[in-house]
Amino acid sequence: MQYRSSKPVAIWLLVGVFMIIVQIILGGITRLTGSGLSITEWQPILGTLPPLNDQQWQHAFDGYKQIAQYKHLNSYFTLADFKFIYFWEWLHRLWGRLIGLVFLIPFIIFIVQRRFSKDMIKPMIILFLLGGLQGLIGWIMVKSGLNEENLYVSHIRLAIHFITALVLLVYTFWFALSLLIPKKAFVYQQPSLKNFTVTLISLLTIQLIYGAFMAGLKAATYAPTWPSINGDYVPTGITDYRGQHLSFISAIVDNPIAVHFVHRNMAYLICVLILIWTIRALRIKCKGVYAVAKWLPLFFVVLQTGLGIGAVLTSPKAIVHGWGTFEWFAQLHQLVAILLLLSLILLVFVIHRKKKIIKQTVAVDLHVI
């Protein structure tokens, strides 16, 4: 059976990558503006439209009034205040639905046009399953804050929601790379550099989890100083939280100041390792994708660290249900973290341990690349 050019499929996947990044950014804005618990129902179809009249708006507002966040933090809210936070959560969910449509409609068209080889069907199914799972995990996260006890969603569920979004992003990006980058662009015979890159991705994943912990626990405000942490390198009371003495493991998951300490020092470690990685990568003389990509991790990690410091120092100026300097730093910090991750994924894709014929998982027309 003859398959047509896969270039439209690659473009489609890159559009998906862009839309997922936007979705993560919208999630960050939703969190920073305190909007995540404004919609207390999960209606995958009916929830596409916002309230359309005063009665529907009042019904939505009454639902929000039943949870602890309203009762203990936002009891002063007017309907206009509620509409502001409702908008961001609604837009976040709407964009997720649009991603589903942008994936589903071209998927059907490409099947009709016979642009998929047999090897591409399984990755496509995984892609759709990951997308659906991400929506379900998002609702499970929101539900953790829809009660009369918790003021915010669980920081652990927030981290799971964030990481699964990144898994979907990376999977889509990898799929697109497999269609776009020919074998001649690969760098061979580099087992140690390949292993080093994989190690960096692993460490960065842990760091991203801690970034979500930082956000969920609002840990930046617990130590708005730099380079010290409230005057110390190792903060006092690192295992004490809310009058309880925690084990070390519990502390580095639940205690904001301990989470802050881990996240900050992981950043230093990753910076140093990426600098070493770059020095080693520069020894390899190669043109094409690798020649440009080898500079990206160092650029992004330096920018990322600077934005993180800026977010910490400006955290006392956070605007409740608004947007200011801290919010800009925090959101850009998240965005650059995503770009850093994708740059390492690109590099681990093009660097190979051995010189051998690598079986492609998809059909590619190289003449169109």
Protein backbone atom coordinates (compact mmCIF):
# COMPACT_ATOMS: atom_id res chain seq x y z
CA MET A 1 0.00 0.00 0.00
CA GLN A 2 1.31 3.45 -0.93
CA TYR A 3 1.37 6.11 1.79
CA ARG A 4 1.36 9.77 0.98
CA SER A 5 3.81 12.38 2.32
CA SER A 6 4.05 12.50 6.11
CA LYS A 7 4.96 16.20 6.18
CA PRO A 8 1.36 17.32 6.96
CA VAL A 9 1.33 14.84 9.86
CA ALA A 10 4.56 16.34 11.23
CA ILE A 11 3.14 19.86 10.96
CA TRP A 12 -0.04 18.69 12.69
CA LEU A 13 2.00 17.24 15.55
CA LEU A 14 4.02 20.46 15.93
CA VAL A 15 0.76 22.42 16.11
CA GLY A 16 -0.19 20.02 18.88
CA VAL A 17 3.11 20.72 20.66
CA PHE A 18 2.41 24.45 20.48
CA MET A 19 -1.16 24.03 21.77
CA ILE A 20 -0.04 21.85 24.68
CA ILE A 21 2.54 24.47 25.67
CA VAL A 22 -0.20 27.12 25.57
CA GLN A 23 -2.39 24.86 27.69
CA ILE A 24 0.33 24.51 30.32
CA ILE A 25 0.78 28.29 30.31
CA LEU A 26 -2.97 28.76 30.78
CA GLY A 27 -2.78 26.31 33.67
CA GLY A 28 -0.04 28.46 35.19
CA ILE A 29 -2.11 31.62 34.79
CA THR A 30 -5.10 29.85 36.31
CA ARG A 31 -3.01 28.90 39.34
CA LEU A 32 -1.35 32.31 39.73
CA THR A 33 -4.70 34.15 39.60
CA GLY A 34 -6.27 31.73 42.09
CA SER A 35 -8.86 30.64 39.55
CA GLY A 36 -8.52 26.87 39.62
CA LEU A 37 -11.47 26.11 41.91
CA SER A 38 -13.95 28.54 40.35
CA ILE A 39 -15.75 25.86 38.31
CA THR A 40 -17.05 23.24 40.72
CA GLU A 41 -18.52 20.86 38.13
CA TRP A 42 -16.98 18.72 35.42
CA GLN A 43 -19.12 18.79 32.29
CA PRO A 44 -16.97 17.75 29.31
CA ILE A 45 -19.65 18.70 26.76
CA LEU A 46 -22.07 21.11 28.44
CA GLY A 47 -19.21 22.98 30.11
CA THR A 48 -17.95 24.23 26.76
CA LEU A 49 -20.11 27.34 27.06
CA PRO A 50 -19.80 29.70 30.04
CA PRO A 51 -22.93 30.86 31.91
CA LEU A 52 -25.07 32.82 29.48
CA ASN A 53 -27.47 34.69 31.77
CA ASP A 54 -27.68 36.06 35.32
CA GLN A 55 -29.41 32.95 36.62
CA GLN A 56 -26.67 30.65 35.33
CA TRP A 57 -23.95 32.93 36.69
CA GLN A 58 -25.59 32.96 40.11
CA HIS A 59 -25.87 29.16 40.06
CA ALA A 60 -22.14 28.86 39.30
CA PHE A 61 -21.30 31.41 42.00
CA ASP A 62 -23.46 29.57 44.57
CA GLY A 63 -21.50 26.40 43.84
CA TYR A 64 -18.23 28.21 44.54
CA LYS A 65 -19.64 29.57 47.80
CA GLN A 66 -19.89 26.04 49.19
CA ILE A 67 -16.13 25.40 49.30
CA ALA A 68 -13.54 26.41 51.88
CA GLN A 69 -11.65 28.71 49.53
CA TYR A 70 -14.63 31.05 49.28
CA LYS A 71 -15.60 30.79 52.95
CA HIS A 72 -12.13 31.44 54.38
CA LEU A 73 -10.32 33.44 51.69
CA ASN A 74 -12.71 35.02 49.23
CA SER A 75 -15.91 35.66 51.16
CA TYR A 76 -15.70 39.30 50.06
CA PHE A 77 -16.15 38.30 46.42
CA THR A 78 -18.79 39.99 44.33
CA LEU A 79 -20.20 38.35 41.22
CA ALA A 80 -17.78 40.46 39.15
CA ASP A 81 -14.82 39.09 41.14
CA PHE A 82 -16.09 35.57 40.59
CA LYS A 83 -16.45 36.13 36.85
CA PHE A 84 -12.77 37.09 36.65
CA ILE A 85 -11.49 33.84 38.16
CA TYR A 86 -14.15 31.81 36.34
CA PHE A 87 -12.87 33.11 33.00
CA TRP A 88 -9.35 31.70 33.40
CA GLU A 89 -10.46 28.25 34.52
CA TRP A 90 -13.06 28.15 31.72
CA LEU A 91 -10.47 29.19 29.12
CA HIS A 92 -8.06 26.55 30.42
CA ARG A 93 -10.71 23.85 30.02
CA LEU A 94 -11.90 25.21 26.66
CA TRP A 95 -8.37 25.13 25.25
CA GLY A 96 -8.09 21.50 26.34
CA ARG A 97 -11.25 20.72 24.37
CA LEU A 98 -9.83 22.56 21.35
CA ILE A 99 -6.69 20.43 21.53
CA GLY A 100 -8.91 17.37 21.35
CA LEU A 101 -10.66 18.70 18.23
CA VAL A 102 -7.41 19.75 16.55
CA PHE A 103 -6.11 16.23 17.06
CA LEU A 104 -9.28 14.33 16.18
CA ILE A 105 -10.39 16.05 12.97
CA PRO A 106 -7.01 15.91 11.12
CA PHE A 107 -6.56 12.35 12.44
CA ILE A 108 -9.70 11.28 10.57
CA ILE A 109 -8.67 13.24 7.47
CA PHE A 110 -5.19 11.67 7.46
CA ILE A 111 -6.69 8.18 7.74
CA VAL A 112 -8.84 8.88 4.68
CA GLN A 113 -5.79 10.28 2.86
CA ARG A 114 -3.69 7.25 3.89
CA ARG A 115 -0.93 9.30 5.46
CA PHE A 116 -0.43 6.85 8.36
CA SER A 117 1.67 3.73 8.07
CA LYS A 118 0.81 0.74 10.24
CA ASP A 119 3.65 1.63 12.60
CA MET A 120 2.04 5.00 13.29
CA ILE A 121 -1.33 3.69 14.52
CA LYS A 122 -0.14 2.53 17.94
CA PRO A 123 1.61 5.85 18.77
CA MET A 124 -1.54 7.69 17.68
CA ILE A 125 -3.72 5.64 20.02
CA ILE A 126 -1.29 6.29 22.88
CA LEU A 127 -1.42 9.99 22.05
CA PHE A 128 -5.21 10.11 22.36
CA LEU A 129 -5.19 8.07 25.56
CA LEU A 130 -2.62 10.40 27.13
CA GLY A 131 -4.77 13.39 26.19
CA GLY A 132 -7.88 11.89 27.77
CA LEU A 133 -5.96 10.82 30.86
CA GLN A 134 -4.63 14.35 31.28
CA GLY A 135 -8.17 15.78 31.37
CA LEU A 136 -9.25 13.20 33.96
CA ILE A 137 -6.23 13.86 36.17
CA GLY A 138 -6.96 17.60 35.95
CA TRP A 139 -10.44 17.05 37.34
CA ILE A 140 -9.15 14.74 40.10
CA MET A 141 -6.74 17.53 41.04
CA VAL A 142 -9.52 20.14 41.14
CA LYS A 143 -11.72 17.88 43.27
CA SER A 144 -9.03 17.84 45.98
CA GLY A 145 -9.89 21.48 46.66
CA LEU A 146 -13.66 21.28 46.32
CA ASN A 147 -14.49 20.72 49.99
CA GLU A 148 -14.87 22.60 53.27
CA GLU A 149 -11.34 21.84 54.54
CA ASN A 150 -8.78 22.65 51.82
CA LEU A 151 -8.11 26.17 50.60
CA TYR A 152 -6.19 24.99 47.54
CA VAL A 153 -5.74 21.87 45.45
CA SER A 154 -3.30 19.21 46.63
CA HIS A 155 0.24 20.12 45.63
CA ILE A 156 0.93 16.44 44.96
CA ARG A 157 -2.01 16.18 42.56
CA LEU A 158 -0.91 19.44 40.99
CA ALA A 159 2.51 17.91 40.36
CA ILE A 160 0.95 14.79 38.83
CA HIS A 161 -1.23 16.95 36.57
CA PHE A 162 1.79 19.00 35.48
CA ILE A 163 4.06 16.01 34.83
CA THR A 164 1.41 14.12 32.84
CA ALA A 165 0.98 17.24 30.71
CA LEU A 166 4.72 17.21 30.09
CA VAL A 167 4.62 13.50 29.22
CA LEU A 168 1.95 14.27 26.61
CA LEU A 169 4.03 17.18 25.32
CA VAL A 170 7.25 15.17 25.08
CA TYR A 171 5.53 12.21 23.44
CA THR A 172 3.99 14.48 20.79
CA PHE A 173 7.30 16.27 20.24
CA TRP A 174 9.22 12.98 19.91
CA PHE A 175 6.68 11.72 17.40
CA ALA A 176 7.11 14.91 15.35
CA LEU A 177 10.92 14.60 15.48
CA SER A 178 10.72 11.05 14.17
CA LEU A 179 8.98 12.43 11.09
CA LEU A 180 11.15 15.50 10.59
CA ILE A 181 14.75 14.56 11.37
CA PRO A 182 16.48 12.18 8.93
CA LYS A 183 19.11 9.65 10.00
CA LYS A 184 21.87 11.67 8.39
CA ALA A 185 21.36 14.34 11.08
CA PHE A 186 22.07 11.85 13.90
CA VAL A 187 25.28 11.98 15.94
CA TYR A 188 26.71 8.47 16.38
CA GLN A 189 29.27 6.78 18.62
CA GLN A 190 28.52 8.96 21.66
CA PRO A 191 27.41 6.58 24.44
CA SER A 192 28.66 8.71 27.33
CA LEU A 193 27.09 11.92 26.01
CA LYS A 194 23.83 10.07 25.38
CA ASN A 195 23.84 8.74 28.95
CA PHE A 196 24.72 12.19 30.29
CA THR A 197 21.77 13.71 28.42
CA VAL A 198 19.38 11.08 29.76
CA THR A 199 20.66 11.78 33.28
CA LEU A 200 20.00 15.51 32.82
CA ILE A 201 16.44 14.78 31.71
CA SER A 202 15.91 12.60 34.78
CA LEU A 203 17.20 15.29 37.13
CA LEU A 204 15.18 17.95 35.35
CA THR A 205 12.05 15.83 35.77
CA ILE A 206 12.60 15.75 39.53
CA GLN A 207 13.18 19.49 39.46
CA LEU A 208 9.94 20.04 37.55
CA ILE A 209 8.06 18.01 40.15
CA TYR A 210 9.53 20.24 42.83
CA GLY A 211 8.59 23.28 40.79
CA ALA A 212 4.97 22.09 41.00
CA PHE A 213 5.40 21.53 44.75
CA MET A 214 6.74 25.09 45.03
CA ALA A 215 3.69 26.42 43.21
CA GLY A 216 1.15 24.33 45.10
CA LEU A 217 2.62 25.14 48.52
CA LYS A 218 3.38 28.78 47.60
CA ALA A 219 6.85 28.02 48.91
CA ALA A 220 8.57 31.03 47.32
CA THR A 221 6.99 33.31 49.93
CA TYR A 222 8.54 31.28 52.75
CA ALA A 223 12.04 32.46 51.76
CA PRO A 224 11.93 35.56 49.52
CA THR A 225 15.70 36.01 49.77
CA TRP A 226 18.71 35.14 47.64
CA PRO A 227 21.43 33.80 47.71
CA SER A 228 20.63 32.77 51.30
CA ILE A 229 17.42 31.17 52.47
CA ASN A 230 16.26 33.62 55.11
CA GLY A 231 19.89 34.25 56.07
CA ASP A 232 21.03 30.62 56.06
CA TYR A 233 22.16 28.11 53.48
CA VAL A 234 20.26 25.29 55.19
CA PRO A 235 17.11 26.89 56.63
CA THR A 236 16.21 26.31 60.25
CA GLY A 237 13.14 24.23 60.99
CA ILE A 238 13.50 22.25 57.79
CA THR A 239 11.75 19.25 59.36
CA ASP A 240 9.27 21.25 61.47
CA TYR A 241 5.95 22.29 60.00
CA ARG A 242 2.77 23.51 61.68
CA GLY A 243 3.93 22.42 65.11
CA GLN A 244 4.85 18.92 63.97
CA HIS A 245 8.24 17.28 63.55
CA LEU A 246 8.31 15.56 60.19
CA SER A 247 10.56 12.84 58.90
CA PHE A 248 13.06 13.98 56.28
CA ILE A 249 11.07 12.33 53.48
CA SER A 250 7.81 13.92 54.63
CA ALA A 251 9.51 17.28 55.03
CA ILE A 252 10.89 17.43 51.49
CA VAL A 253 7.40 16.70 50.15
CA ASP A 254 5.11 18.67 52.46
CA ASN A 255 7.13 21.38 54.23
CA PRO A 256 7.32 24.52 52.04
CA ILE A 257 10.72 25.65 53.33
CA ALA A 258 12.21 22.17 52.78
CA VAL A 259 10.71 22.00 49.30
CA HIS A 260 12.19 25.44 48.63
CA PHE A 261 15.62 24.24 49.77
CA VAL A 262 15.53 21.17 47.52
CA HIS A 263 14.25 23.08 44.49
CA ARG A 264 16.87 25.81 44.83
CA ASN A 265 19.80 23.43 45.21
CA MET A 266 18.60 21.16 42.42
CA ALA A 267 18.72 24.25 40.21
CA TYR A 268 22.37 24.86 41.11
CA LEU A 269 23.24 21.21 40.45
CA ILE A 270 21.51 21.19 37.06
CA CYS A 271 23.23 24.44 36.07
CA VAL A 272 26.66 23.02 36.81
CA LEU A 273 25.94 19.73 35.06
CA ILE A 274 24.60 21.44 31.94
CA LEU A 275 27.71 23.61 31.81
CA ILE A 276 29.87 20.45 31.95
CA TRP A 277 27.61 18.80 29.36
CA THR A 278 28.02 21.79 27.02
CA ILE A 279 31.82 21.71 27.29
CA ARG A 280 31.78 18.03 26.36
CA ALA A 281 29.24 18.55 23.59
CA LEU A 282 31.36 21.27 21.98
CA ARG A 283 34.11 18.73 21.34
CA ILE A 284 31.88 17.01 18.81
CA LYS A 285 32.10 18.67 15.43
CA CYS A 286 28.87 18.16 13.60
CA LYS A 287 26.68 20.29 11.36
CA GLY A 288 22.92 20.54 11.18
CA VAL A 289 20.48 20.13 14.05
CA TYR A 290 23.08 19.16 16.64
CA ALA A 291 25.29 22.18 15.89
CA VAL A 292 22.50 24.53 17.00
CA ALA A 293 20.78 22.37 19.59
CA LYS A 294 23.92 21.80 21.70
CA TRP A 295 23.81 25.46 22.80
CA LEU A 296 20.16 25.48 23.81
CA PRO A 297 20.30 23.77 27.26
CA LEU A 298 22.94 26.19 28.57
CA PHE A 299 21.02 29.20 27.26
CA PHE A 300 17.73 28.04 28.74
CA VAL A 301 19.13 26.93 32.10
CA VAL A 302 20.85 30.30 32.68
CA LEU A 303 17.66 32.14 31.75
CA GLN A 304 15.59 29.73 33.84
CA THR A 305 17.75 30.26 36.91
CA GLY A 306 17.57 34.04 36.56
CA LEU A 307 13.78 33.95 36.26
CA GLY A 308 13.58 31.67 39.29
CA ILE A 309 15.63 34.10 41.38
CA GLY A 310 13.42 36.93 40.18
CA ALA A 311 10.28 34.99 41.14
CA VAL A 312 11.63 34.31 44.63
CA LEU A 313 12.65 37.93 45.27
CA THR A 314 9.36 39.37 44.01
CA SER A 315 7.10 36.75 45.65
CA PRO A 316 6.07 39.14 48.50
CA LYS A 317 4.58 41.37 45.78
CA ALA A 318 2.23 38.67 44.51
CA ILE A 319 -1.13 40.17 43.55
CA VAL A 320 -4.15 38.22 44.74
CA HIS A 321 -6.40 37.56 41.73
CA GLY A 322 -4.28 39.90 39.66
CA TRP A 323 -1.11 40.13 37.60
CA GLY A 324 2.17 41.88 38.36
CA THR A 325 5.96 41.49 38.42
CA PHE A 326 5.97 38.27 40.44
CA GLU A 327 3.37 36.65 38.21
CA TRP A 328 5.42 37.51 35.10
CA PHE A 329 8.57 36.01 36.61
CA ALA A 330 6.74 32.88 37.76
CA GLN A 331 5.00 32.27 34.45
CA LEU A 332 8.12 32.85 32.34
CA HIS A 333 10.03 30.60 34.74
CA GLN A 334 7.59 27.80 33.92
CA LEU A 335 7.71 28.45 30.18
CA VAL A 336 11.51 28.37 29.98
CA ALA A 337 11.52 25.16 32.03
CA ILE A 338 9.39 23.58 29.30
CA LEU A 339 11.74 24.85 26.58
CA LEU A 340 14.75 23.51 28.50
CA LEU A 341 13.11 20.09 28.69
CA LEU A 342 12.31 20.08 24.96
CA SER A 343 15.87 21.09 24.08
CA LEU A 344 17.21 18.08 25.99
CA ILE A 345 14.63 15.81 24.37
CA LEU A 346 15.77 17.04 20.95
CA LEU A 347 19.37 16.27 21.83
CA VAL A 348 18.68 12.82 23.22
CA PHE A 349 16.83 12.11 19.97
CA VAL A 350 19.75 13.00 17.69
CA ILE A 351 22.57 11.54 19.83
CA HIS A 352 23.11 7.79 19.51
CA ARG A 353 25.35 5.39 21.38
CA LYS A 354 26.39 3.19 18.45
CA LYS A 355 26.88 3.44 14.72
CA LYS A 356 24.10 1.32 13.35
CA ILE A 357 21.03 1.48 11.20
CA ILE A 358 18.28 2.78 13.41
CA LYS A 359 14.84 1.53 12.58
CA GLN A 360 12.41 4.39 12.25
CA THR A 361 9.09 3.94 13.97
CA VAL A 362 7.20 5.84 11.30
CA ALA A 363 7.18 6.22 7.53
CA VAL A 364 9.01 9.31 6.32
CA ASP A 365 9.41 10.96 2.93
CA LEU A 366 12.86 12.47 3.27
CA HIS A 367 12.62 14.43 0.05
CA VAL A 368 9.98 16.68 1.61
CA ILE A 369 12.07 17.54 4.65
